[in-house]
C-alpha atoms as a PDB file:
ATOM      1  CA  MET A   1      62.160  85.798 -15.340  1.00  0.00           C
ATOM      2  CA  ALA A   2      61.323  85.573 -11.429  1.00  0.00           C
ATOM      3  CA  PRO A   3      63.788  83.967  -8.872  1.00  0.00           C
ATOM      4  CA  LEU A   4      62.284  80.771  -7.594  1.00  0.00           C
ATOM      5  CA  ALA A   5      60.983  81.456  -4.009  1.00  0.00           C
ATOM      6  CA  GLY A   6      63.448  79.190  -1.651  1.00  0.00           C
ATOM      7  CA  PRO A   7      62.767  77.908   1.988  1.00  0.00           C
ATOM      8  CA  PRO A   8      62.466  80.378   4.865  1.00  0.00           C
ATOM      9  CA  LEU A   9      65.982  81.739   6.497  1.00  0.00           C
ATOM     10  CA  ARG A  10      66.708  80.085   9.579  1.00  0.00           C
ATOM     11  CA  LEU A  11      69.261  81.424  12.096  1.00  0.00           C
ATOM     12  CA  PRO A  12      71.411  79.087  13.853  1.00  0.00           C
ATOM     13  CA  ARG A  13      70.209  77.994  17.308  1.00  0.00           C
ATOM     14  CA  THR A  14      73.310  79.164  19.148  1.00  0.00           C
ATOM     15  CA  LEU A  15      72.628  82.508  17.320  1.00  0.00           C
ATOM     16  CA  MET A  16      68.926  82.555  18.348  1.00  0.00           C
ATOM     17  CA  ARG A  17      69.758  81.496  21.929  1.00  0.00           C
ATOM     18  CA  GLY A  18      72.284  84.585  22.189  1.00  0.00           C
ATOM     19  CA  PHE A  19      69.719  87.003  20.597  1.00  0.00           C
ATOM     20  CA  LEU A  20      67.177  85.947  23.037  1.00  0.00           C
ATOM     21  CA  LEU A  21      69.408  86.419  26.045  1.00  0.00           C
ATOM     22  CA  ALA A  22      70.334  89.673  25.188  1.00  0.00           C
ATOM     23  CA  LEU A  23      66.975  90.787  24.395  1.00  0.00           C
ATOM     24  CA  SER A  24      66.165  89.710  28.099  1.00  0.00           C
ATOM     25  CA  SER A  25      69.143  91.531  29.378  1.00  0.00           C
ATOM     26  CA  LEU A  26      67.909  94.629  27.446  1.00  0.00           C
ATOM     27  CA  LEU A  27      64.294  94.338  28.899  1.00  0.00           C
ATOM     28  CA  MET A  28      65.437  94.107  32.610  1.00  0.00           C
ATOM     29  CA  SER A  29      67.804  97.155  32.120  1.00  0.00           C
ATOM     30  CA  LEU A  30      65.086  99.492  30.842  1.00  0.00           C
ATOM     31  CA  ALA A  31      62.774  98.181  33.488  1.00  0.00           C
ATOM     32  CA  PHE A  32      65.410  98.854  36.079  1.00  0.00           C
ATOM     33  CA  LEU A  33      66.085 102.369  34.569  1.00  0.00           C
ATOM     34  CA  TYR A  34      62.316 103.008  34.350  1.00  0.00           C
ATOM     35  CA  CYS A  35      62.039 102.730  38.285  1.00  0.00           C
ATOM     36  CA  LEU A  36      65.294 104.607  38.738  1.00  0.00           C
ATOM     37  CA  THR A  37      63.105 107.555  37.366  1.00  0.00           C
ATOM     38  CA  GLU A  38      60.771 107.071  40.186  1.00  0.00           C
ATOM     39  CA  ARG A  39      57.592 106.100  37.561  1.00  0.00           C
ATOM     40  CA  CYS A  40      57.035 102.662  39.119  1.00  0.00           C
ATOM     41  CA  PRO A  41      55.378 102.697  42.416  1.00  0.00           C
ATOM     42  CA  ALA A  42      57.793 102.272  45.417  1.00  0.00           C
ATOM     43  CA  PRO A  43      57.033  98.828  47.063  1.00  0.00           C
ATOM     44  CA  PRO A  44      57.310  98.347  50.821  1.00  0.00           C
ATOM     45  CA  ALA A  45      60.924  98.011  51.788  1.00  0.00           C
ATOM     46  CA  GLN A  46      61.049  94.431  53.248  1.00  0.00           C
ATOM     47  CA  GLU A  47      63.353  91.269  52.745  1.00  0.00           C
ATOM     48  CA  GLY A  48      66.428  93.547  52.040  1.00  0.00           C
ATOM     49  CA  GLY A  49      64.682  94.722  48.471  1.00  0.00           C
ATOM     50  CA  THR A  50      63.275  91.296  47.974  1.00  0.00           C
ATOM     51  CA  LEU A  51      59.808  92.924  46.721  1.00  0.00           C
ATOM     52  CA  VAL A  52      61.890  95.345  44.368  1.00  0.00           C
ATOM     53  CA  ARG A  53      63.598  92.553  42.517  1.00  0.00           C
ATOM     54  CA  HIS A  54      59.959  90.539  42.585  1.00  0.00           C
ATOM     55  CA  SER A  55      58.081  93.666  41.139  1.00  0.00           C
ATOM     56  CA  LEU A  56      60.822  93.795  38.317  1.00  0.00           C
ATOM     57  CA  LEU A  57      60.446  90.206  37.333  1.00  0.00           C
ATOM     58  CA  ARG A  58      56.839  90.463  37.087  1.00  0.00           C
ATOM     59  CA  ARG A  59      56.926  93.729  34.752  1.00  0.00           C
ATOM     60  CA  ILE A  60      59.080  91.612  32.228  1.00  0.00           C
ATOM     61  CA  GLY A  61      57.070  88.664  32.474  1.00  0.00           C
ATOM     62  CA  VAL A  62      59.384  86.296  34.685  1.00  0.00           C
ATOM     63  CA  PRO A  63      57.172  84.275  37.281  1.00  0.00           C
ATOM     64  CA  ARG A  64      58.125  84.619  40.904  1.00  0.00           C
ATOM     65  CA  ARG A  65      59.618  81.474  42.623  1.00  0.00           C
ATOM     66  CA  PRO A  66      57.778  80.702  46.109  1.00  0.00           C
ATOM     67  CA  SER A  67      59.772  81.938  49.074  1.00  0.00           C
ATOM     68  CA  THR A  68      61.794  79.229  51.024  1.00  0.00           C
ATOM     69  CA  LEU A  69      62.005  81.733  54.153  1.00  0.00           C
ATOM     70  CA  ALA A  70      60.422  80.288  57.290  1.00  0.00           C
ATOM     71  CA  PRO A  71      57.580  82.681  58.588  1.00  0.00           C
ATOM     72  CA  LEU A  72      58.592  85.052  61.205  1.00  0.00           C
ATOM     73  CA  GLU A  73      55.930  83.659  63.856  1.00  0.00           C
ATOM     74  CA  GLU A  74      57.341  80.049  63.512  1.00  0.00           C
ATOM     75  CA  GLY A  75      57.163  77.845  66.655  1.00  0.00           C
ATOM     76  CA  THR A  76      54.883  76.515  69.247  1.00  0.00           C
ATOM     77  CA  GLN A  77      53.150  78.239  72.070  1.00  0.00           C
ATOM     78  CA  ARG A  78      54.255  75.844  74.992  1.00  0.00           C
ATOM     79  CA  LEU A  79      53.826  75.896  79.147  1.00  0.00           C
ATOM     80  CA  PRO A  80      56.761  77.601  80.842  1.00  0.00           C
ATOM     81  CA  GLN A  81      59.904  75.282  81.567  1.00  0.00           C
ATOM     82  CA  ALA A  82      61.223  77.992  83.705  1.00  0.00           C
ATOM     83  CA  LEU A  83      59.571  80.243  86.105  1.00  0.00           C
ATOM     84  CA  ILE A  84      60.769  83.679  88.371  1.00  0.00           C
ATOM     85  CA  ILE A  85      58.581  82.736  90.764  1.00  0.00           C
ATOM     86  CA  GLY A  86      59.705  85.825  93.643  1.00  0.00           C
ATOM     87  CA  VAL A  87      60.198  87.702  95.588  1.00  0.00           C
ATOM     88  CA  LYS A  88      58.405  91.401  95.086  1.00  0.00           C
ATOM     89  CA  LYS A  89      60.726  94.154  95.414  1.00  0.00           C
ATOM     90  CA  GLY A  90      63.735  91.207  95.191  1.00  0.00           C
ATOM     91  CA  GLY A  91      64.935  92.286  91.544  1.00  0.00           C
ATOM     92  CA  THR A  92      62.600  90.206  89.406  1.00  0.00           C
ATOM     93  CA  ARG A  93      62.183  92.544  86.784  1.00  0.00           C
ATOM     94  CA  ALA A  94      65.634  93.072  86.355  1.00  0.00           C
ATOM     95  CA  LEU A  95      66.146  89.455  86.196  1.00  0.00           C
ATOM     96  CA  LEU A  96      63.747  89.081  83.455  1.00  0.00           C
ATOM     97  CA  GLU A  97      64.787  91.827  81.443  1.00  0.00           C
ATOM     98  CA  PHE A  98      68.261  90.676  81.438  1.00  0.00           C
ATOM     99  CA  LEU A  99      67.702  87.083  80.707  1.00  0.00           C
ATOM    100  CA  ARG A 100      65.298  88.194  77.480  1.00  0.00           C
ATOM    101  CA  VAL A 101      68.745  89.105  75.921  1.00  0.00           C
ATOM    102  CA  HIS A 102      69.331  85.513  75.675  1.00  0.00           C
ATOM    103  CA  PRO A 103      68.152  84.086  72.229  1.00  0.00           C
ATOM    104  CA  ASP A 104      67.331  80.777  73.444  1.00  0.00           C
ATOM    105  CA  ILE A 105      65.040  82.634  76.190  1.00  0.00           C
ATOM    106  CA  ARG A 106      61.431  83.814  75.170  1.00  0.00           C
ATOM    107  CA  ALA A 107      59.110  85.193  78.184  1.00  0.00           C
ATOM    108  CA  VAL A 108      56.182  86.694  78.920  1.00  0.00           C
ATOM    109  CA  GLY A 109      56.341  90.667  79.487  1.00  0.00           C
ATOM    110  CA  ALA A 110      53.508  91.011  81.761  1.00  0.00           C
ATOM    111  CA  GLU A 111      52.712  88.676  84.979  1.00  0.00           C
ATOM    112  CA  PRO A 112      50.471  86.077  84.243  1.00  0.00           C
ATOM    113  CA  HIS A 113      49.413  85.545  87.887  1.00  0.00           C
ATOM    114  CA  PHE A 114      48.117  82.184  87.065  1.00  0.00           C
ATOM    115  CA  PHE A 115      49.190  80.029  89.740  1.00  0.00           C
ATOM    116  CA  ASP A 116      47.598  82.386  92.491  1.00  0.00           C
ATOM    117  CA  ARG A 117      45.006  84.306  90.569  1.00  0.00           C
ATOM    118  CA  ASN A 118      44.141  82.489  87.560  1.00  0.00           C
ATOM    119  CA  TYR A 119      44.245  79.008  87.973  1.00  0.00           C
ATOM    120  CA  ASP A 120      40.611  78.504  87.387  1.00  0.00           C
ATOM    121  CA  LYS A 121      41.156  79.295  83.476  1.00  0.00           C
ATOM    122  CA  GLY A 122      43.080  76.252  83.032  1.00  0.00           C
ATOM    123  CA  PHE A 123      46.382  75.225  81.357  1.00  0.00           C
ATOM    124  CA  SER A 124      45.125  76.109  77.911  1.00  0.00           C
ATOM    125  CA  TRP A 125      44.352  79.880  78.768  1.00  0.00           C
ATOM    126  CA  TYR A 126      47.959  79.937  80.321  1.00  0.00           C
ATOM    127  CA  ARG A 127      49.244  78.483  77.433  1.00  0.00           C
ATOM    128  CA  ASP A 128      47.728  80.778  75.280  1.00  0.00           C
ATOM    129  CA  LEU A 129      49.671  83.537  76.845  1.00  0.00           C
ATOM    130  CA  MET A 130      52.909  82.477  75.813  1.00  0.00           C
ATOM    131  CA  PRO A 131      55.278  83.190  73.138  1.00  0.00           C
ATOM    132  CA  LYS A 132      55.982  80.759  70.303  1.00  0.00           C
ATOM    133  CA  THR A 133      59.298  79.218  70.696  1.00  0.00           C
ATOM    134  CA  LEU A 134      61.616  76.820  68.721  1.00  0.00           C
ATOM    135  CA  ASP A 135      63.004  73.292  69.797  1.00  0.00           C
ATOM    136  CA  GLY A 136      65.717  74.210  72.566  1.00  0.00           C
ATOM    137  CA  GLN A 137      64.218  77.233  73.178  1.00  0.00           C
ATOM    138  CA  ILE A 138      63.020  77.947  76.945  1.00  0.00           C
ATOM    139  CA  THR A 139      59.242  79.585  77.788  1.00  0.00           C
ATOM    140  CA  MET A 140      59.559  81.839  80.966  1.00  0.00           C
ATOM    141  CA  GLU A 141      57.262  83.912  83.211  1.00  0.00           C
ATOM    142  CA  LYS A 142      57.764  85.977  86.185  1.00  0.00           C
ATOM    143  CA  THR A 143      55.422  86.405  89.087  1.00  0.00           C
ATOM    144  CA  PRO A 144      56.851  87.060  92.356  1.00  0.00           C
ATOM    145  CA  SER A 145      53.627  86.590  94.308  1.00  0.00           C
ATOM    146  CA  TYR A 146      53.931  83.072  93.375  1.00  0.00           C
ATOM    147  CA  PHE A 147      56.489  82.539  96.198  1.00  0.00           C
ATOM    148  CA  VAL A 148      54.016  83.511  99.014  1.00  0.00           C
ATOM    149  CA  THR A 149      51.274  81.742  97.606  1.00  0.00           C
ATOM    150  CA  LYS A 150      50.237  78.785  99.849  1.00  0.00           C
ATOM    151  CA  ASP A 151      48.951  76.496  96.961  1.00  0.00           C
ATOM    152  CA  ALA A 152      51.414  77.741  94.087  1.00  0.00           C
ATOM    153  CA  PRO A 153      54.146  74.932  94.760  1.00  0.00           C
ATOM    154  CA  ALA A 154      51.490  72.039  94.133  1.00  0.00           C
ATOM    155  CA  ARG A 155      49.912  73.598  91.635  1.00  0.00           C
ATOM    156  CA  ILE A 156      53.245  74.249  89.651  1.00  0.00           C
ATOM    157  CA  SER A 157      54.372  70.510  90.355  1.00  0.00           C
ATOM    158  CA  ALA A 158      51.109  69.363  88.934  1.00  0.00           C
ATOM    159  CA  MET A 159      51.892  71.179  85.462  1.00  0.00           C
ATOM    160  CA  SER A 160      55.466  69.630  85.170  1.00  0.00           C
ATOM    161  CA  ASN A 161      57.770  68.087  88.254  1.00  0.00           C
ATOM    162  CA  GLU A 162      60.581  69.500  85.657  1.00  0.00           C
ATOM    163  CA  THR A 163      59.991  73.310  85.964  1.00  0.00           C
ATOM    164  CA  ARG A 164      62.814  74.901  87.146  1.00  0.00           C
ATOM    165  CA  LEU A 165      62.220  77.960  89.186  1.00  0.00           C
ATOM    166  CA  ILE A 166      64.655  80.942  90.408  1.00  0.00           C
ATOM    167  CA  VAL A 167      64.001  82.987  93.319  1.00  0.00           C
ATOM    168  CA  VAL A 168      65.338  86.543  93.670  1.00  0.00           C
ATOM    169  CA  VAL A 169      65.861  87.592  97.109  1.00  0.00           C
ATOM    170  CA  ARG A 170      67.376  90.559  98.646  1.00  0.00           C
ATOM    171  CA  ASP A 171      68.124  92.030 102.437  1.00  0.00           C
ATOM    172  CA  PRO A 172      64.432  91.501 103.703  1.00  0.00           C
ATOM    173  CA  VAL A 173      64.693  94.974 105.696  1.00  0.00           C
ATOM    174  CA  THR A 174      65.800  96.619 102.496  1.00  0.00           C
ATOM    175  CA  ARG A 175      63.305  94.792 100.482  1.00  0.00           C
ATOM    176  CA  ALA A 176      60.445  95.699 103.041  1.00  0.00           C
ATOM    177  CA  ILE A 177      61.504  99.360 103.025  1.00  0.00           C
ATOM    178  CA  SER A 178      61.539  99.258  99.084  1.00  0.00           C
ATOM    179  CA  ASP A 179      57.815  97.410  99.364  1.00  0.00           C
ATOM    180  CA  TYR A 180      56.653 100.502 101.519  1.00  0.00           C
ATOM    181  CA  THR A 181      58.368 102.935  98.907  1.00  0.00           C
ATOM    182  CA  GLN A 182      56.195 101.463  96.150  1.00  0.00           C
ATOM    183  CA  THR A 183      53.129 101.339  98.314  1.00  0.00           C
ATOM    184  CA  LEU A 184      53.643 105.050  99.402  1.00  0.00           C
ATOM    185  CA  SER A 185      54.238 106.178  95.431  1.00  0.00           C
ATOM    186  CA  LYS A 186      50.528 105.159  95.178  1.00  0.00           C
ATOM    187  CA  ARG A 187      48.695 106.091  98.496  1.00  0.00           C
ATOM    188  CA  HIS A 188      50.377 109.208  99.886  1.00  0.00           C
ATOM    189  CA  ASN A 189      48.283 109.353 103.186  1.00  0.00           C
ATOM    190  CA  ILE A 190      49.673 105.738 104.307  1.00  0.00           C
ATOM    191  CA  PRO A 191      51.067 105.786 108.131  1.00  0.00           C
ATOM    192  CA  PRO A 192      54.892 106.206 108.468  1.00  0.00           C
ATOM    193  CA  PHE A 193      56.965 103.177 108.274  1.00  0.00           C
ATOM    194  CA  GLU A 194      57.898 102.736 111.787  1.00  0.00           C
ATOM    195  CA  SER A 195      54.281 102.940 112.763  1.00  0.00           C
ATOM    196  CA  LEU A 196      53.503 100.128 110.281  1.00  0.00           C
ATOM    197  CA  ALA A 197      56.599  97.804 111.073  1.00  0.00           C
ATOM    198  CA  PHE A 198      56.000  97.448 114.930  1.00  0.00           C
ATOM    199  CA  LYS A 199      52.884  96.308 117.016  1.00  0.00           C
ATOM    200  CA  ASN A 200      54.241  98.316 119.900  1.00  0.00           C
ATOM    201  CA  ARG A 201      57.632 100.612 119.503  1.00  0.00           C
ATOM    202  CA  THR A 202      58.047 100.667 123.137  1.00  0.00           C
ATOM    203  CA  THR A 203      58.923  97.274 123.525  1.00  0.00           C
ATOM    204  CA  GLY A 204      59.942  96.439 119.848  1.00  0.00           C
ATOM    205  CA  LEU A 205      57.664  93.816 119.062  1.00  0.00           C
ATOM    206  CA  ILE A 206      57.402  93.627 115.219  1.00  0.00           C
ATOM    207  CA  ASN A 207      54.208  93.924 112.988  1.00  0.00           C
ATOM    208  CA  THR A 208      54.576  90.179 111.172  1.00  0.00           C
ATOM    209  CA  SER A 209      50.911  90.716 109.893  1.00  0.00           C
ATOM    210  CA  TRP A 210      52.369  93.750 107.749  1.00  0.00           C
ATOM    211  CA  SER A 211      52.733  92.126 104.109  1.00  0.00           C
ATOM    212  CA  ALA A 212      56.152  94.109 103.772  1.00  0.00           C
ATOM    213  CA  ILE A 213      57.502  92.575 107.020  1.00  0.00           C
ATOM    214  CA  GLN A 214      55.988  88.972 106.565  1.00  0.00           C
ATOM    215  CA  ILE A 215      57.512  88.414 102.695  1.00  0.00           C
ATOM    216  CA  GLY A 216      60.869  88.691 104.187  1.00  0.00           C
ATOM    217  CA  ILE A 217      60.625  85.978 106.548  1.00  0.00           C
ATOM    218  CA  TYR A 218      62.032  83.512 103.397  1.00  0.00           C
ATOM    219  CA  ALA A 219      62.378  80.298 105.354  1.00  0.00           C
ATOM    220  CA  LYS A 220      58.790  80.211 106.140  1.00  0.00           C
ATOM    221  CA  TYR A 221      57.895  80.428 102.728  1.00  0.00           C
ATOM    222  CA  LEU A 222      60.495  77.931 101.583  1.00  0.00           C
ATOM    223  CA  GLU A 223      59.432  75.331 103.918  1.00  0.00           C
ATOM    224  CA  ASN A 224      56.108  75.330 101.901  1.00  0.00           C
ATOM    225  CA  TRP A 225      57.447  75.004  98.598  1.00  0.00           C
ATOM    226  CA  LEU A 226      59.877  72.070  99.597  1.00  0.00           C
ATOM    227  CA  ILE A 227      56.798  69.901 100.350  1.00  0.00           C
ATOM    228  CA  SER A 228      56.054  69.649  96.615  1.00  0.00           C
ATOM    229  CA  ILE A 229      59.733  71.139  94.800  1.00  0.00           C
ATOM    230  CA  PRO A 230      62.958  69.054  95.048  1.00  0.00           C
ATOM    231  CA  ILE A 231      65.769  71.833  96.364  1.00  0.00           C
ATOM    232  CA  ARG A 232      67.593  70.904  93.030  1.00  0.00           C
ATOM    233  CA  LYS A 233      65.076  72.437  90.682  1.00  0.00           C
ATOM    234  CA  MET A 234      65.111  75.853  92.555  1.00  0.00           C
ATOM    235  CA  LEU A 235      67.844  78.476  92.288  1.00  0.00           C
ATOM    236  CA  PHE A 236      68.023  81.454  94.482  1.00  0.00           C
ATOM    237  CA  VAL A 237      69.704  84.806  93.079  1.00  0.00           C
ATOM    238  CA  SER A 238      70.726  87.577  95.184  1.00  0.00           C
ATOM    239  CA  GLY A 239      69.194  90.994  94.113  1.00  0.00           C
ATOM    240  CA  GLU A 240      72.282  92.343  95.797  1.00  0.00           C
ATOM    241  CA  ARG A 241      74.694  90.833  93.428  1.00  0.00           C
ATOM    242  CA  LEU A 242      72.199  91.814  90.618  1.00  0.00           C
ATOM    243  CA  ILE A 243      73.250  95.178  90.887  1.00  0.00           C
ATOM    244  CA  THR A 244      77.031  95.015  91.599  1.00  0.00           C
ATOM    245  CA  ASP A 245      77.533  91.732  89.304  1.00  0.00           C
ATOM    246  CA  PRO A 246      74.761  91.379  87.292  1.00  0.00           C
ATOM    247  CA  SER A 247      76.804  89.045  84.580  1.00  0.00           C
ATOM    248  CA  GLY A 248      78.117  86.878  87.515  1.00  0.00           C
ATOM    249  CA  GLU A 249      74.584  86.313  88.639  1.00  0.00           C
ATOM    250  CA  LEU A 250      73.486  85.914  85.220  1.00  0.00           C
ATOM    251  CA  GLY A 251      76.068  83.650  84.756  1.00  0.00           C
ATOM    252  CA  ARG A 252      74.702  81.346  87.165  1.00  0.00           C
ATOM    253  CA  VAL A 253      71.071  81.490  86.129  1.00  0.00           C
ATOM    254  CA  GLN A 254      72.311  80.708  82.444  1.00  0.00           C
ATOM    255  CA  ASP A 255      74.067  77.343  84.253  1.00  0.00           C
ATOM    256  CA  PHE A 256      71.054  76.623  85.920  1.00  0.00           C
ATOM    257  CA  LEU A 257      68.809  76.780  82.864  1.00  0.00           C
ATOM    258  CA  GLY A 258      71.435  74.682  80.930  1.00  0.00           C
ATOM    259  CA  LEU A 259      72.185  77.383  78.570  1.00  0.00           C
ATOM    260  CA  LYS A 260      75.398  78.670  76.723  1.00  0.00           C
ATOM    261  CA  ARG A 261      76.812  81.752  78.984  1.00  0.00           C
ATOM    262  CA  ILE A 262      75.643  84.446  76.068  1.00  0.00           C
ATOM    263  CA  ILE A 263      75.111  87.199  78.602  1.00  0.00           C
ATOM    264  CA  THR A 264      78.084  88.462  79.918  1.00  0.00           C
ATOM    265  CA  ASP A 265      79.836  91.558  80.943  1.00  0.00           C
ATOM    266  CA  LYS A 266      79.632  93.131  77.427  1.00  0.00           C
ATOM    267  CA  HIS A 267      76.184  93.359  77.561  1.00  0.00           C
ATOM    268  CA  PHE A 268      76.215  95.816  80.988  1.00  0.00           C
ATOM    269  CA  TYR A 269      76.656  99.414  81.934  1.00  0.00           C
ATOM    270  CA  PHE A 270      76.377 100.695  85.259  1.00  0.00           C
ATOM    271  CA  ASN A 271      73.716 103.968  85.355  1.00  0.00           C
ATOM    272  CA  LYS A 272      75.168 106.361  87.992  1.00  0.00           C
ATOM    273  CA  THR A 273      72.065 108.444  87.874  1.00  0.00           C
ATOM    274  CA  LYS A 274      69.904 105.525  88.799  1.00  0.00           C
ATOM    275  CA  GLY A 275      72.073 103.191  90.744  1.00  0.00           C
ATOM    276  CA  PHE A 276      71.467 100.303  88.657  1.00  0.00           C
ATOM    277  CA  PRO A 277      73.303  98.512  86.101  1.00  0.00           C
ATOM    278  CA  CYS A 278      71.452  99.025  82.255  1.00  0.00           C
ATOM    279  CA  LEU A 279      71.575  96.965  79.154  1.00  0.00           C
ATOM    280  CA  LYS A 280      73.469  98.215  76.471  1.00  0.00           C
ATOM    281  CA  LYS A 281      71.320  96.736  73.907  1.00  0.00           C
ATOM    282  CA  ALA A 282      67.987  95.404  75.145  1.00  0.00           C
ATOM    283  CA  GLU A 283      65.917  92.401  73.390  1.00  0.00           C
ATOM    284  CA  GLY A 284      65.138  93.580  69.767  1.00  0.00           C
ATOM    285  CA  SER A 285      66.454  96.881  69.950  1.00  0.00           C
ATOM    286  CA  SER A 286      69.909  98.523  69.217  1.00  0.00           C
ATOM    287  CA  LYS A 287      69.529 100.947  72.137  1.00  0.00           C
ATOM    288  CA  PRO A 288      70.583 101.189  75.585  1.00  0.00           C
ATOM    289  CA  HIS A 289      67.926 100.189  77.965  1.00  0.00           C
ATOM    290  CA  CYS A 290      67.215 100.664  81.630  1.00  0.00           C
ATOM    291  CA  LEU A 291      64.090  99.511  84.025  1.00  0.00           C
ATOM    292  CA  GLY A 292      61.570 102.014  83.770  1.00  0.00           C
ATOM    293  CA  LYS A 293      61.135 105.055  86.658  1.00  0.00           C
ATOM    294  CA  THR A 294      59.287 102.905  88.954  1.00  0.00           C
ATOM    295  CA  LYS A 295      62.272 101.070  89.766  1.00  0.00           C
ATOM    296  CA  GLY A 296      65.333 102.537  91.782  1.00  0.00           C
ATOM    297  CA  ARG A 297      63.007 105.005  93.778  1.00  0.00           C
ATOM    298  CA  THR A 298      64.517 106.909  96.563  1.00  0.00           C
ATOM    299  CA  HIS A 299      63.868 105.731  99.723  1.00  0.00           C
ATOM    300  CA  PRO A 300      62.223 107.488 102.731  1.00  0.00           C
ATOM    301  CA  ASN A 301      64.629 108.177 105.719  1.00  0.00           C
ATOM    302  CA  ILE A 302      63.993 105.590 108.295  1.00  0.00           C
ATOM    303  CA  ASP A 303      65.226 105.402 112.124  1.00  0.00           C
ATOM    304  CA  GLN A 304      68.658 103.456 112.212  1.00  0.00           C
ATOM    305  CA  LYS A 305      67.468 101.993 115.522  1.00  0.00           C
ATOM    306  CA  VAL A 306      64.160 100.719 113.599  1.00  0.00           C
ATOM    307  CA  ILE A 307      66.448  99.227 110.805  1.00  0.00           C
ATOM    308  CA  GLN A 308      68.899  97.686 113.615  1.00  0.00           C
ATOM    309  CA  ARG A 309      65.420  96.381 115.506  1.00  0.00           C
ATOM    310  CA  LEU A 310      64.481  94.847 112.177  1.00  0.00           C
ATOM    311  CA  HIS A 311      67.961  93.203 111.425  1.00  0.00           C
ATOM    312  CA  GLU A 312      67.741  91.490 114.626  1.00  0.00           C
ATOM    313  CA  PHE A 313      64.524  89.922 114.008  1.00  0.00           C
ATOM    314  CA  TYR A 314      65.394  88.713 110.451  1.00  0.00           C
ATOM    315  CA  ARG A 315      68.649  87.299 111.649  1.00  0.00           C
ATOM    316  CA  PRO A 316      67.448  83.961 112.869  1.00  0.00           C
ATOM    317  CA  PHE A 317      65.199  83.274 109.880  1.00  0.00           C
ATOM    318  CA  ASN A 318      67.962  84.405 107.439  1.00  0.00           C
ATOM    319  CA  LEU A 319      70.179  81.854 109.109  1.00  0.00           C
ATOM    320  CA  LYS A 320      67.573  79.269 108.393  1.00  0.00           C
ATOM    321  CA  PHE A 321      67.045  80.399 105.015  1.00  0.00           C
ATOM    322  CA  TYR A 322      71.032  80.153 104.127  1.00  0.00           C
ATOM    323  CA  GLN A 323      70.909  77.128 105.522  1.00  0.00           C
ATOM    324  CA  MET A 324      67.758  75.590 103.685  1.00  0.00           C
ATOM    325  CA  SER A 325      68.831  77.195 100.414  1.00  0.00           C
ATOM    326  CA  GLY A 326      72.526  76.431 100.408  1.00  0.00           C
ATOM    327  CA  TYR A 327      73.243  80.057  99.855  1.00  0.00           C
ATOM    328  CA  ASN A 328      75.008  82.450 102.262  1.00  0.00           C
ATOM    329  CA  PHE A 329      73.549  85.540 101.130  1.00  0.00           C
ATOM    330  CA  GLY A 330      75.483  87.836 103.681  1.00  0.00           C
ATOM    331  CA  TRP A 331      72.763  90.052 105.053  1.00  0.00           C
ATOM    332  CA  ASP A 332      73.809  89.572 108.432  1.00  0.00           C
ATOM    333  CA  ASN A 333      77.392  90.453 108.416  1.00  0.00           C
END
């Protein structure tokens, strides 16, 4: 006589759960081993292997959870809260490159020339040039020609009366020679420095219409700035000290911008070949970084009598600039 059919055999719930977990673990291991044999396509190496993990999970049927990571381009484009406004051949590029190491500063690399050449394009155009920043970060740009542009102070004041302005200056005689050297590198047929610097070499009359000489009369331009901008919104940085004590000058700039002093001595080393300090690690890089070959050009030999005459010419303007800026740069010692 055939036995009676009984109810289907059911495993205990705890045993079934253990069996499913063991099966899932086995499947994941098999999928992993399958990829180790290089049979599965290699995903892009991003986010520390995240894509590899997601690929394996998809192969065994586990749904991918949405990422909680913030987008890399998160932030808002803002008009700059700080500007390096001058001066040409004063050390503005060095200062900008050094400042970009700070995590709370985002700066435009190229010079926008908004307040001197492109003002008619409007503030929306200007804002679109800026990098995205998060709350608490400072947007910055540098255009050295702003300092000698008559309309720039009023235009910047119209943008915001809270904008902080940084002026990098150096001995105006050295600056003029550096300016000439840059022009000479582009136009080899220009007259000698001495011919351009004087209206009359015999009488020693200086050619103040030559831009290389004119820019160094800092007090004249500062008077124009103080009509629209309070002096407390301006910081004057020594181009000489940017070379001899970069961390000291960067400390003053970080204080002026209300930032923590993150850029210190540890960020710099002195390059004897160029004669300038360089960054041990540039922004977004793990490699040392020096300014390009256009910086630190060898100056032509200038007659010492010409240099002495130029120092005499600039002395009264320098003394007035020291008084106006509240900073003695020591160019006349």
